Amino acid sequence: MKQRISILADLRIKIGNETFDNPIWVASGTFGYGTEAPDLVDVNRLGAIVTKSITRQPREGNPPPRIVETPSGMINSIGLANIGVERYIREMLPIYENLSTKIIMNIAGTDIQEYVEIMKMVESVSSVIVGYEINISCPNVKKGGMEFGVDCDMTAKLTAKLRNITERLLIMKLSPNVSDIVSIGMSAQESGADAVSAINTVVGMSINANTGESNIHTTYGGLSGPAIKPVGLAMVHKLYQDLSIPIIGIGGIVNREDVVEFMMAGSVAVQIGTANFRNPGISEDILDTLEIFLEETHRAAATELIGAVKTHS
């Protein structure tokens, strides 16, 4: 009997001028700055690390309680706690020089000027980061990015301003808390974005039935985890119908089947988020099993999955 030779599928994907080794990324806000768990995960195997949101000045974030577990997910109201762009440049950028995975910096701001100032500061120094993910969709801060994420004109204006500053990848992170996510995505595309990522968290609330108190200090927070996966899939598929730029899918991904579904809906890559809190090494596990899936289904490349869903309409 002739022995079957196993040929591993090509996992590489491309966005703009950047080629990524695989479509498995980790999401902003769920993996720190990408350097916190060296003993738990080999970050160099990841397709990309999207660092937590960076603002112009350091932020302590919202007061506790600011995280609560919910059925099939969690609500967070961290409030963009971070070290600020100056420390990020000074302390984190040099560390990234020693990593072989791609680094994407997530930026958040309260107005256009803050986004612009942060990006200009990073662009003024040498670094290996390949792009920026722009947080215009955070539902757990009282002032800031959410204003941009629900308004086509604001999204277009911000995207155009940032496009003029950098030649690196520009990825706009979209909110599901809108009436028409496709219009927001089109505004980003027409103003120069290289890609969009979708979705950010869904506005949620949790109440303690015994005390009658809200379980989150800010009352509302961002719901993430498997509970929002169907919403994420629908949003990605809607965007895929009209946008010509790549989509990075996010929302409740915990295994290879979730990855496959998001790619079939139209994603070129995915971001693992809430699942990192339970298992920081889950992205490696998913990557291994995705390779097996592609081989078992006789696909030569991960890109064959993109948009492959068969709908009844």
Protein backbone atom coordinates (compact mmCIF):
# COMPACT_ATOMS: atom_id res chain seq x y z
CA MET A 1 0.00 0.00 0.00
CA LYS A 2 1.37 3.41 -0.97
CA GLN A 3 1.88 5.68 2.03
CA ARG A 4 -0.09 8.93 1.93
CA ILE A 5 2.09 12.02 2.08
CA SER A 6 0.66 14.78 4.23
CA ILE A 7 1.13 18.29 2.83
CA LEU A 8 0.33 21.06 5.30
CA ALA A 9 -2.07 23.71 4.06
CA ASP A 10 -0.83 27.23 3.44
CA LEU A 11 -2.04 29.35 6.37
CA ARG A 12 -0.71 32.66 5.11
CA ILE A 13 -3.07 35.58 4.57
CA LYS A 14 -2.47 39.06 3.17
CA ILE A 15 -3.81 42.47 4.14
CA GLY A 16 -2.55 45.42 2.16
CA ASN A 17 1.16 44.93 1.63
CA GLU A 18 1.60 42.76 4.73
CA THR A 19 1.63 38.97 4.71
CA PHE A 20 0.78 37.19 7.95
CA ASP A 21 1.92 33.63 8.69
CA ASN A 22 -1.58 32.60 9.72
CA PRO A 23 -5.06 34.07 10.38
CA ILE A 24 -5.02 33.52 14.16
CA TRP A 25 -4.53 36.82 16.00
CA VAL A 26 -5.17 37.88 19.60
CA ALA A 27 -7.57 40.73 20.29
CA SER A 28 -6.84 44.07 21.87
CA GLY A 29 -7.58 44.25 25.58
CA THR A 30 -7.36 40.48 26.09
CA PHE A 31 -3.63 39.87 25.73
CA GLY A 32 -2.07 42.88 27.43
CA TYR A 33 0.86 44.32 25.53
CA GLY A 34 1.74 40.89 24.15
CA THR A 35 4.60 40.23 26.54
CA GLU A 36 2.87 39.13 29.75
CA ALA A 37 2.63 35.35 29.27
CA PRO A 38 5.95 34.06 27.83
CA ASP A 39 5.74 30.80 29.79
CA LEU A 40 2.16 30.10 28.74
CA VAL A 41 2.19 30.77 25.00
CA ASP A 42 4.72 31.04 22.19
CA VAL A 43 3.62 34.42 20.83
CA ASN A 44 5.86 33.99 17.78
CA ARG A 45 3.44 31.35 16.46
CA LEU A 46 0.57 33.84 16.36
CA GLY A 47 -0.40 35.53 13.13
CA ALA A 48 -0.44 38.87 14.94
CA ILE A 49 -0.73 40.47 18.35
CA VAL A 50 -3.10 43.42 18.64
CA THR A 51 -1.95 45.30 21.73
CA LYS A 52 -4.32 46.80 24.24
CA SER A 53 -5.68 50.27 23.50
CA ILE A 54 -3.18 53.09 24.01
CA THR A 55 -4.29 56.64 24.80
CA ARG A 56 -2.29 59.88 24.84
CA GLN A 57 -2.02 59.97 28.63
CA PRO A 58 -1.95 56.99 31.05
CA ARG A 59 -5.38 55.90 32.26
CA GLU A 60 -6.35 54.07 35.44
CA GLY A 61 -9.65 53.09 33.89
CA ASN A 62 -13.01 52.78 35.59
CA PRO A 63 -13.41 51.98 39.30
CA PRO A 64 -14.31 48.41 40.33
CA PRO A 65 -16.32 46.32 40.00
CA ARG A 66 -15.52 46.37 36.30
CA ILE A 67 -15.65 42.73 35.21
CA VAL A 68 -18.47 40.24 35.71
CA GLU A 69 -19.02 36.78 34.28
CA THR A 70 -22.28 36.24 32.42
CA PRO A 71 -23.90 33.21 30.76
CA SER A 72 -21.57 32.29 27.86
CA GLY A 73 -19.50 35.42 28.26
CA MET A 74 -18.43 38.35 30.37
CA ILE A 75 -19.09 42.06 30.71
CA ASN A 76 -16.16 44.39 31.15
CA SER A 77 -15.94 48.08 31.87
CA ILE A 78 -12.18 48.40 32.25
CA GLY A 79 -12.28 51.86 30.72
CA LEU A 80 -9.14 51.63 28.54
CA ALA A 81 -6.67 51.41 31.43
CA ASN A 82 -3.18 51.68 29.91
CA ILE A 83 0.34 53.07 30.33
CA GLY A 84 -0.03 55.91 27.82
CA VAL A 85 1.77 56.41 24.53
CA GLU A 86 5.04 57.81 25.92
CA ARG A 87 5.72 54.75 28.09
CA TYR A 88 4.48 52.51 25.28
CA ILE A 89 7.10 53.98 22.96
CA ARG A 90 9.83 53.88 25.57
CA GLU A 91 9.16 50.45 27.11
CA MET A 92 7.18 48.31 24.68
CA LEU A 93 8.46 49.15 21.21
CA PRO A 94 12.01 47.94 21.99
CA ILE A 95 10.64 44.60 23.24
CA TYR A 96 8.79 44.03 19.98
CA GLU A 97 12.12 44.10 18.14
CA ASN A 98 12.77 40.62 19.57
CA LEU A 99 9.48 39.08 18.43
CA SER A 100 8.95 37.51 15.03
CA THR A 101 5.17 37.81 15.09
CA LYS A 102 3.48 40.90 13.64
CA ILE A 103 2.54 43.67 16.07
CA ILE A 104 -0.51 45.87 15.54
CA MET A 105 -0.95 48.80 17.89
CA ASN A 106 -4.48 49.63 19.00
CA ILE A 107 -5.13 53.35 19.48
CA ALA A 108 -8.02 55.01 21.34
CA GLY A 109 -8.82 58.67 21.77
CA THR A 110 -11.41 61.16 22.99
CA ASP A 111 -11.21 63.35 19.88
CA ILE A 112 -9.58 63.36 16.45
CA GLN A 113 -6.60 65.36 17.71
CA GLU A 114 -5.75 62.73 20.31
CA TYR A 115 -5.75 59.92 17.74
CA VAL A 116 -3.60 62.05 15.42
CA GLU A 117 -1.13 63.00 18.14
CA ILE A 118 -0.66 59.41 19.29
CA MET A 119 -0.04 58.13 15.78
CA LYS A 120 2.37 60.95 14.96
CA MET A 121 4.37 60.19 18.10
CA VAL A 122 4.69 56.52 17.17
CA GLU A 123 5.44 57.29 13.53
CA SER A 124 8.27 59.62 14.60
CA VAL A 125 10.32 56.76 16.03
CA SER A 126 11.64 53.55 14.53
CA SER A 127 9.57 50.46 15.31
CA VAL A 128 8.63 47.06 13.91
CA ILE A 129 4.87 47.47 14.29
CA VAL A 130 3.15 46.73 10.99
CA GLY A 131 -0.03 48.68 11.54
CA TYR A 132 -2.65 50.27 13.70
CA GLU A 133 -6.10 49.15 14.78
CA ILE A 134 -8.19 52.22 15.56
CA ASN A 135 -10.65 51.78 18.40
CA ILE A 136 -13.73 53.78 17.39
CA SER A 137 -16.12 51.40 19.07
CA CYS A 138 -15.50 51.07 22.80
CA PRO A 139 -18.78 51.03 24.77
CA ASN A 140 -17.29 51.24 28.26
CA VAL A 141 -15.88 54.76 28.37
CA LYS A 142 -18.03 57.83 28.92
CA LYS A 143 -16.30 59.92 26.28
CA GLY A 144 -14.35 58.95 23.23
CA GLY A 145 -14.19 56.47 20.42
CA MET A 146 -17.80 55.36 20.48
CA GLU A 147 -18.77 58.76 19.03
CA PHE A 148 -16.79 57.97 15.89
CA GLY A 149 -17.99 54.39 15.62
CA VAL A 150 -21.67 55.31 15.27
CA ASP A 151 -21.28 58.17 12.79
CA CYS A 152 -20.31 57.75 9.11
CA ASP A 153 -18.98 61.27 8.69
CA MET A 154 -16.88 61.12 11.86
CA THR A 155 -15.51 57.72 10.87
CA ALA A 156 -14.61 59.04 7.42
CA LYS A 157 -12.94 62.17 8.78
CA LEU A 158 -10.87 60.27 11.35
CA THR A 159 -9.85 57.57 8.88
CA ALA A 160 -8.73 60.16 6.30
CA LYS A 161 -6.70 62.09 8.89
CA LEU A 162 -4.89 58.97 10.04
CA ARG A 163 -4.38 57.71 6.49
CA ASN A 164 -2.40 60.87 5.75
CA ILE A 165 -0.03 60.15 8.64
CA THR A 166 0.99 56.55 8.03
CA GLU A 167 1.73 54.08 5.27
CA ARG A 168 1.38 51.21 7.73
CA LEU A 169 -1.79 49.12 7.84
CA LEU A 170 -4.81 51.08 9.01
CA ILE A 171 -7.56 48.92 10.48
CA MET A 172 -10.77 50.49 11.80
CA LYS A 173 -12.47 48.52 14.58
CA LEU A 174 -16.23 48.63 14.16
CA SER A 175 -19.00 48.63 16.73
CA PRO A 176 -22.03 46.31 16.60
CA ASN A 177 -24.00 48.90 18.55
CA VAL A 178 -25.17 50.68 15.41
CA SER A 179 -28.16 50.51 13.09
CA ASP A 180 -26.06 49.98 9.95
CA ILE A 181 -22.53 48.63 10.35
CA VAL A 182 -22.05 48.40 6.57
CA SER A 183 -22.37 52.17 6.15
CA ILE A 184 -19.72 52.73 8.82
CA GLY A 185 -17.48 50.16 7.15
CA MET A 186 -17.95 51.78 3.74
CA SER A 187 -17.02 55.17 5.20
CA ALA A 188 -13.78 53.68 6.54
CA GLN A 189 -13.02 51.97 3.23
CA GLU A 190 -13.68 55.05 1.10
CA SER A 191 -11.46 57.15 3.38
CA GLY A 192 -8.42 54.91 3.04
CA ALA A 193 -8.66 52.09 5.59
CA ASP A 194 -6.80 48.91 4.62
CA ALA A 195 -9.21 46.71 6.59
CA VAL A 196 -11.90 46.68 9.24
CA SER A 197 -12.18 44.49 12.31
CA ALA A 198 -15.59 43.44 13.58
CA ILE A 199 -17.03 43.26 16.06
CA ASN A 200 -16.20 45.04 19.29
CA THR A 201 -18.25 44.24 22.37
CA VAL A 202 -22.03 44.57 22.60
CA VAL A 203 -23.47 46.90 25.23
CA GLY A 204 -24.64 44.81 28.20
CA MET A 205 -25.75 44.98 31.82
CA SER A 206 -25.68 42.61 34.80
CA ILE A 207 -27.72 42.85 38.01
CA ASN A 208 -27.36 41.03 41.33
CA ALA A 209 -30.87 39.74 42.02
CA ASN A 210 -30.22 39.42 45.78
CA THR A 211 -28.92 42.94 46.39
CA GLY A 212 -30.60 44.68 43.49
CA GLU A 213 -27.31 46.36 42.60
CA SER A 214 -25.65 46.58 39.23
CA ASN A 215 -22.66 44.22 39.00
CA ILE A 216 -20.69 46.84 37.06
CA HIS A 217 -19.78 50.24 38.56
CA THR A 218 -20.56 52.06 35.32
CA THR A 219 -23.91 50.20 35.01
CA TYR A 220 -23.26 49.25 31.39
CA GLY A 221 -20.25 47.51 29.91
CA GLY A 222 -19.10 45.54 26.92
CA LEU A 223 -20.43 41.99 26.54
CA SER A 224 -18.00 39.54 24.93
CA GLY A 225 -17.53 35.80 24.64
CA PRO A 226 -19.52 33.04 22.90
CA ALA A 227 -22.79 34.86 23.61
CA ILE A 228 -22.01 37.43 20.90
CA LYS A 229 -20.71 35.02 18.23
CA PRO A 230 -23.95 34.95 16.18
CA VAL A 231 -23.97 38.76 16.16
CA GLY A 232 -20.35 38.83 15.04
CA LEU A 233 -20.95 36.33 12.25
CA ALA A 234 -23.92 38.30 10.92
CA MET A 235 -22.03 41.59 10.99
CA VAL A 236 -19.00 40.11 9.22
CA HIS A 237 -21.18 38.54 6.54
CA LYS A 238 -23.05 41.81 5.94
CA LEU A 239 -19.76 43.68 5.60
CA TYR A 240 -18.40 41.04 3.24
CA GLN A 241 -21.27 41.58 0.83
CA ASP A 242 -20.35 45.22 0.21
CA LEU A 243 -16.76 45.93 1.23
CA SER A 244 -13.75 45.22 -0.98
CA ILE A 245 -11.18 45.57 1.81
CA PRO A 246 -10.42 42.64 4.17
CA ILE A 247 -12.42 41.99 7.34
CA ILE A 248 -10.91 40.63 10.56
CA GLY A 249 -13.58 38.72 12.48
CA ILE A 250 -14.02 38.94 16.26
CA GLY A 251 -16.65 37.64 18.66
CA GLY A 252 -16.77 34.60 20.91
CA ILE A 253 -14.17 32.48 19.13
CA VAL A 254 -13.08 29.53 21.29
CA ASN A 255 -12.21 26.71 18.83
CA ARG A 256 -11.34 25.94 15.23
CA GLU A 257 -14.97 25.60 14.19
CA ASP A 258 -15.56 29.19 15.25
CA VAL A 259 -12.58 30.29 13.16
CA VAL A 260 -13.86 28.38 10.14
CA GLU A 261 -17.33 29.90 10.52
CA PHE A 262 -15.98 33.45 10.71
CA MET A 263 -13.80 32.90 7.66
CA MET A 264 -16.69 31.36 5.75
CA ALA A 265 -18.74 34.43 6.67
CA GLY A 266 -16.08 36.59 5.04
CA SER A 267 -13.19 37.13 7.45
CA VAL A 268 -9.63 36.96 6.16
CA ALA A 269 -8.37 36.57 9.74
CA VAL A 270 -9.81 36.36 13.24
CA GLN A 271 -8.98 37.68 16.69
CA ILE A 272 -9.22 35.50 19.80
CA GLY A 273 -10.45 37.61 22.71
CA THR A 274 -12.26 36.59 25.88
CA ALA A 275 -11.07 32.97 25.58
CA ASN A 276 -7.53 34.18 26.40
CA PHE A 277 -8.62 34.90 29.98
CA ARG A 278 -9.43 31.23 30.52
CA ASN A 279 -6.50 29.84 28.56
CA PRO A 280 -3.72 32.20 27.37
CA GLY A 281 -2.45 29.44 25.08
CA ILE A 282 -5.77 28.81 23.34
CA SER A 283 -4.66 30.53 20.14
CA GLU A 284 -1.87 27.99 19.69
CA ASP A 285 -4.33 25.16 20.27
CA ILE A 286 -6.75 26.60 17.71
CA LEU A 287 -3.93 27.07 15.20
CA ASP A 288 -2.90 23.42 15.49
CA THR A 289 -6.43 22.13 15.02
CA LEU A 290 -7.12 24.53 12.14
CA GLU A 291 -4.23 22.98 10.23
CA ILE A 292 -5.73 19.55 10.80
CA PHE A 293 -9.16 20.74 9.63
CA LEU A 294 -7.78 22.13 6.39
CA GLU A 295 -5.97 18.87 5.70
CA GLU A 296 -9.01 16.75 6.53
CA THR A 297 -11.23 18.84 4.24
CA HIS A 298 -8.64 18.77 1.42
CA ARG A 299 -8.08 22.52 1.33
CA ALA A 300 -4.66 23.68 0.19
CA ALA A 301 -4.90 27.10 1.81
CA ALA A 302 -6.78 28.84 4.60
CA THR A 303 -7.87 31.51 2.12
CA GLU A 304 -10.15 28.94 0.48
CA LEU A 305 -12.47 29.37 3.46
CA ILE A 306 -13.05 33.09 2.97
CA GLY A 307 -16.66 33.81 2.05
CA ALA A 308 -17.38 30.12 1.38
CA VAL A 309 -20.66 30.02 3.32
CA LYS A 310 -23.61 28.61 1.35
CA THR A 311 -26.71 30.62 2.17
CA HIS A 312 -30.28 29.77 1.20
CA SER A 313 -30.98 33.18 -0.29
